[in-house]
Amino acid sequence: MISAIVLIKAEVSRIPEAAREIAQIKGISEVYSVTGDTDLIAVARVARHEDFHDLIADRLNKVPGVLETSTHIAFRTYSDEDLDAGFALGLDD
C-alpha cells in the first residue's frame, strides 16, 4: 500500500459535509478537521501510484466545497512500535 497525506482547503460553510463525503471515497482511510491554513487532512491509501490520479484528481477534488488540495506521498510509514523502539535505543531501565 502507498500512503499519502492530502491537505484540503474547503469552503468554510461546507467543511462538515465535504469531510463526510471525502471519508466515503474508497481509498480514503481517515479525514481530520484541523486548525491552521488547511481545513481538512485526509489519509489516502492506494495499491499503485497511478491510482492517486483517480482518487485525488477525479474524485476528491470534485467533492462540493473542496477548493484546493496538496498531496504529500509518504516515503516510509512508522508505527507506534517503530517510534517507541527508535526513541528507546540506548536507554536502559
N, C-alpha and C. Protein backbone atom coordinates (compact mmCIF):
# COMPACT_ATOMS: atom_id res chain seq x y z
N MET A 1 0.84 -1.19 0.00
CA MET A 1 0.00 0.00 0.00
C MET A 1 0.88 1.24 0.00
N ILE A 2 0.48 2.22 -0.78
CA ILE A 2 1.16 3.51 -0.82
C ILE A 2 0.26 4.51 -0.12
N SER A 3 0.82 5.27 0.80
CA SER A 3 0.04 6.23 1.57
C SER A 3 0.37 7.65 1.16
N ALA A 4 -0.63 8.52 1.28
CA ALA A 4 -0.44 9.94 1.04
C ALA A 4 -1.28 10.73 2.03
N ILE A 5 -0.77 11.89 2.38
CA ILE A 5 -1.49 12.82 3.23
C ILE A 5 -1.96 13.94 2.31
N VAL A 6 -3.25 14.23 2.34
CA VAL A 6 -3.82 15.24 1.45
C VAL A 6 -4.32 16.41 2.30
N LEU A 7 -3.71 17.57 2.10
CA LEU A 7 -4.14 18.80 2.78
C LEU A 7 -5.23 19.43 1.92
N ILE A 8 -6.35 19.76 2.53
CA ILE A 8 -7.52 20.21 1.78
C ILE A 8 -8.00 21.56 2.30
N LYS A 9 -8.14 22.52 1.39
CA LYS A 9 -8.79 23.78 1.71
C LYS A 9 -10.22 23.67 1.20
N ALA A 10 -11.17 24.06 2.04
CA ALA A 10 -12.58 23.91 1.70
C ALA A 10 -13.34 25.19 2.03
N GLU A 11 -14.51 25.33 1.41
CA GLU A 11 -15.41 26.42 1.76
C GLU A 11 -15.81 26.21 3.22
N VAL A 12 -15.67 27.25 4.03
CA VAL A 12 -15.94 27.14 5.46
C VAL A 12 -17.33 26.59 5.74
N SER A 13 -18.31 27.03 4.99
CA SER A 13 -19.69 26.60 5.24
C SER A 13 -19.92 25.14 4.86
N ARG A 14 -18.98 24.52 4.13
CA ARG A 14 -19.17 23.13 3.67
C ARG A 14 -18.18 22.15 4.28
N ILE A 15 -17.40 22.58 5.27
CA ILE A 15 -16.37 21.69 5.82
C ILE A 15 -16.96 20.38 6.35
N PRO A 16 -17.99 20.39 7.19
CA PRO A 16 -18.51 19.10 7.69
C PRO A 16 -19.03 18.19 6.58
N GLU A 17 -19.77 18.77 5.63
CA GLU A 17 -20.33 17.97 4.54
C GLU A 17 -19.23 17.43 3.63
N ALA A 18 -18.24 18.27 3.32
CA ALA A 18 -17.13 17.84 2.47
C ALA A 18 -16.35 16.72 3.17
N ALA A 19 -16.11 16.87 4.47
CA ALA A 19 -15.37 15.85 5.21
C ALA A 19 -16.10 14.51 5.17
N ARG A 20 -17.40 14.55 5.39
CA ARG A 20 -18.19 13.29 5.36
C ARG A 20 -18.14 12.65 3.98
N GLU A 21 -18.27 13.46 2.94
CA GLU A 21 -18.26 12.91 1.58
C GLU A 21 -16.88 12.35 1.22
N ILE A 22 -15.83 13.06 1.61
CA ILE A 22 -14.46 12.58 1.34
C ILE A 22 -14.21 11.27 2.07
N ALA A 23 -14.69 11.16 3.29
CA ALA A 23 -14.49 9.94 4.09
C ALA A 23 -15.15 8.72 3.45
N GLN A 24 -16.15 8.94 2.61
CA GLN A 24 -16.85 7.84 1.94
C GLN A 24 -16.15 7.36 0.66
N ILE A 25 -15.15 8.09 0.21
CA ILE A 25 -14.44 7.72 -1.02
C ILE A 25 -13.56 6.51 -0.75
N LYS A 26 -13.69 5.49 -1.60
CA LYS A 26 -12.84 4.30 -1.47
C LYS A 26 -11.39 4.71 -1.66
N GLY A 27 -10.55 4.34 -0.71
CA GLY A 27 -9.14 4.70 -0.75
C GLY A 27 -8.78 5.77 0.26
N ILE A 28 -9.79 6.44 0.82
CA ILE A 28 -9.55 7.41 1.89
C ILE A 28 -9.81 6.68 3.21
N SER A 29 -8.78 6.60 4.06
CA SER A 29 -8.94 5.85 5.31
C SER A 29 -9.37 6.74 6.47
N GLU A 30 -8.99 8.01 6.45
CA GLU A 30 -9.34 8.92 7.54
C GLU A 30 -9.43 10.34 7.01
N VAL A 31 -10.26 11.15 7.66
CA VAL A 31 -10.36 12.58 7.37
C VAL A 31 -10.39 13.31 8.70
N TYR A 32 -9.56 14.32 8.83
CA TYR A 32 -9.48 15.11 10.06
C TYR A 32 -9.83 16.56 9.77
N SER A 33 -10.60 17.18 10.63
CA SER A 33 -10.82 18.62 10.61
C SER A 33 -9.74 19.22 11.49
N VAL A 34 -9.00 20.21 10.98
CA VAL A 34 -7.84 20.73 11.70
C VAL A 34 -7.84 22.26 11.73
N THR A 35 -6.98 22.80 12.57
CA THR A 35 -6.78 24.24 12.62
C THR A 35 -5.62 24.63 11.72
N GLY A 36 -5.51 25.91 11.44
CA GLY A 36 -4.39 26.39 10.63
C GLY A 36 -4.81 26.74 9.22
N ASP A 37 -3.84 26.73 8.31
CA ASP A 37 -4.07 27.11 6.91
C ASP A 37 -4.87 26.08 6.14
N THR A 38 -4.93 24.87 6.65
CA THR A 38 -5.65 23.77 6.00
C THR A 38 -6.91 23.49 6.80
N ASP A 39 -7.99 23.16 6.10
CA ASP A 39 -9.26 22.88 6.78
C ASP A 39 -9.43 21.42 7.12
N LEU A 40 -8.99 20.55 6.20
CA LEU A 40 -9.14 19.10 6.38
C LEU A 40 -7.83 18.42 5.99
N ILE A 41 -7.56 17.30 6.62
CA ILE A 41 -6.45 16.43 6.21
C ILE A 41 -7.02 15.04 6.01
N ALA A 42 -6.75 14.47 4.84
CA ALA A 42 -7.20 13.12 4.52
C ALA A 42 -5.99 12.20 4.37
N VAL A 43 -6.15 10.97 4.79
CA VAL A 43 -5.12 9.95 4.58
C VAL A 43 -5.63 9.03 3.48
N ALA A 44 -4.85 8.96 2.40
CA ALA A 44 -5.22 8.14 1.25
C ALA A 44 -4.28 6.95 1.15
N ARG A 45 -4.83 5.80 0.80
CA ARG A 45 -4.03 4.60 0.63
C ARG A 45 -4.45 3.90 -0.67
N VAL A 46 -3.47 3.66 -1.54
CA VAL A 46 -3.74 3.01 -2.83
C VAL A 46 -2.69 1.93 -3.09
N ALA A 47 -2.98 1.07 -4.04
CA ALA A 47 -2.06 -0.02 -4.38
C ALA A 47 -0.95 0.45 -5.32
N ARG A 48 -1.27 1.38 -6.22
CA ARG A 48 -0.30 1.84 -7.22
C ARG A 48 -0.28 3.37 -7.26
N HIS A 49 0.86 3.95 -7.58
CA HIS A 49 0.95 5.41 -7.69
C HIS A 49 -0.09 5.96 -8.66
N GLU A 50 -0.33 5.25 -9.74
CA GLU A 50 -1.28 5.70 -10.76
C GLU A 50 -2.69 5.86 -10.19
N ASP A 51 -3.00 5.13 -9.13
CA ASP A 51 -4.32 5.19 -8.52
C ASP A 51 -4.59 6.53 -7.84
N PHE A 52 -3.53 7.26 -7.49
CA PHE A 52 -3.74 8.57 -6.86
C PHE A 52 -4.46 9.53 -7.80
N HIS A 53 -4.22 9.41 -9.09
CA HIS A 53 -4.89 10.30 -10.05
C HIS A 53 -6.40 10.14 -9.96
N ASP A 54 -6.87 8.91 -9.99
CA ASP A 54 -8.31 8.65 -9.89
C ASP A 54 -8.85 9.11 -8.55
N LEU A 55 -8.14 8.78 -7.49
CA LEU A 55 -8.61 9.08 -6.13
C LEU A 55 -8.62 10.58 -5.85
N ILE A 56 -7.54 11.27 -6.14
CA ILE A 56 -7.42 12.69 -5.79
C ILE A 56 -8.02 13.58 -6.88
N ALA A 57 -7.50 13.47 -8.09
CA ALA A 57 -7.93 14.39 -9.15
C ALA A 57 -9.36 14.13 -9.62
N ASP A 58 -9.72 12.88 -9.76
CA ASP A 58 -11.04 12.57 -10.32
C ASP A 58 -12.16 12.49 -9.30
N ARG A 59 -11.84 12.23 -8.04
CA ARG A 59 -12.91 12.09 -7.05
C ARG A 59 -12.83 13.12 -5.93
N LEU A 60 -11.75 13.15 -5.18
CA LEU A 60 -11.68 14.05 -4.03
C LEU A 60 -11.80 15.52 -4.46
N ASN A 61 -11.08 15.91 -5.49
CA ASN A 61 -11.12 17.31 -5.94
C ASN A 61 -12.49 17.74 -6.45
N LYS A 62 -13.35 16.80 -6.76
CA LYS A 62 -14.68 17.12 -7.29
C LYS A 62 -15.76 17.14 -6.21
N VAL A 63 -15.38 16.92 -4.97
CA VAL A 63 -16.35 16.99 -3.87
C VAL A 63 -16.78 18.45 -3.71
N PRO A 64 -18.08 18.72 -3.67
CA PRO A 64 -18.54 20.10 -3.49
C PRO A 64 -17.96 20.72 -2.22
N GLY A 65 -17.41 21.92 -2.37
CA GLY A 65 -16.82 22.63 -1.25
C GLY A 65 -15.31 22.54 -1.20
N VAL A 66 -14.70 21.57 -1.91
CA VAL A 66 -13.24 21.46 -1.94
C VAL A 66 -12.71 22.54 -2.88
N LEU A 67 -11.82 23.39 -2.37
CA LEU A 67 -11.26 24.49 -3.15
C LEU A 67 -9.87 24.18 -3.68
N GLU A 68 -9.08 23.46 -2.88
CA GLU A 68 -7.68 23.24 -3.23
C GLU A 68 -7.15 22.04 -2.45
N THR A 69 -6.25 21.28 -3.07
CA THR A 69 -5.60 20.17 -2.36
C THR A 69 -4.09 20.22 -2.59
N SER A 70 -3.37 19.66 -1.63
CA SER A 70 -1.93 19.49 -1.74
C SER A 70 -1.62 18.08 -1.24
N THR A 71 -1.10 17.24 -2.12
CA THR A 71 -0.90 15.83 -1.81
C THR A 71 0.57 15.55 -1.50
N HIS A 72 0.81 14.85 -0.40
CA HIS A 72 2.16 14.51 0.04
C HIS A 72 2.26 13.00 0.14
N ILE A 73 2.99 12.38 -0.79
CA ILE A 73 3.13 10.92 -0.80
C ILE A 73 4.19 10.52 0.23
N ALA A 74 3.85 9.53 1.05
CA ALA A 74 4.75 9.08 2.12
C ALA A 74 5.83 8.17 1.56
N PHE A 75 7.07 8.39 1.99
CA PHE A 75 8.18 7.50 1.64
C PHE A 75 8.19 6.28 2.53
N ARG A 76 7.93 6.50 3.82
CA ARG A 76 8.02 5.42 4.79
C ARG A 76 6.98 5.68 5.87
N THR A 77 6.39 4.61 6.38
CA THR A 77 5.42 4.71 7.46
C THR A 77 6.05 4.17 8.74
N TYR A 78 5.90 4.92 9.81
CA TYR A 78 6.41 4.49 11.11
C TYR A 78 5.22 4.20 12.00
N SER A 79 5.19 3.02 12.58
CA SER A 79 4.11 2.67 13.50
C SER A 79 4.51 3.11 14.91
N ASP A 80 3.56 3.04 15.84
CA ASP A 80 3.85 3.36 17.24
C ASP A 80 4.98 2.49 17.76
N GLU A 81 4.98 1.22 17.39
CA GLU A 81 6.02 0.31 17.85
C GLU A 81 7.38 0.73 17.33
N ASP A 82 7.44 1.13 16.03
CA ASP A 82 8.71 1.57 15.46
C ASP A 82 9.22 2.81 16.17
N LEU A 83 8.32 3.77 16.43
CA LEU A 83 8.73 5.00 17.10
C LEU A 83 9.18 4.74 18.52
N ASP A 84 8.45 3.91 19.25
CA ASP A 84 8.85 3.58 20.63
C ASP A 84 10.22 2.91 20.65
N ALA A 85 10.45 2.01 19.72
CA ALA A 85 11.74 1.33 19.66
C ALA A 85 12.86 2.30 19.31
N GLY A 86 12.59 3.22 18.38
CA GLY A 86 13.59 4.20 17.98
C GLY A 86 13.98 5.13 19.10
N PHE A 87 12.99 5.60 19.88
CA PHE A 87 13.29 6.50 20.98
C PHE A 87 13.92 5.79 22.17
N ALA A 88 13.77 4.47 22.23
CA ALA A 88 14.29 3.71 23.36
C ALA A 88 15.72 3.22 23.12
N LEU A 89 16.26 3.47 21.94
CA LEU A 89 17.61 2.98 21.64
C LEU A 89 18.63 3.53 22.64
N GLY A 90 19.41 2.64 23.20
CA GLY A 90 20.46 3.05 24.12
C GLY A 90 19.98 3.37 25.53
N LEU A 91 18.72 3.22 25.80
CA LEU A 91 18.20 3.51 27.13
C LEU A 91 18.02 2.22 27.90
N ASP A 92 18.55 2.19 29.10
CA ASP A 92 18.36 1.02 29.98
C ASP A 92 17.45 1.42 31.11
N ASP A 93 16.46 0.56 31.39
CA ASP A 93 15.52 0.84 32.51
C ASP A 93 16.10 0.41 33.82
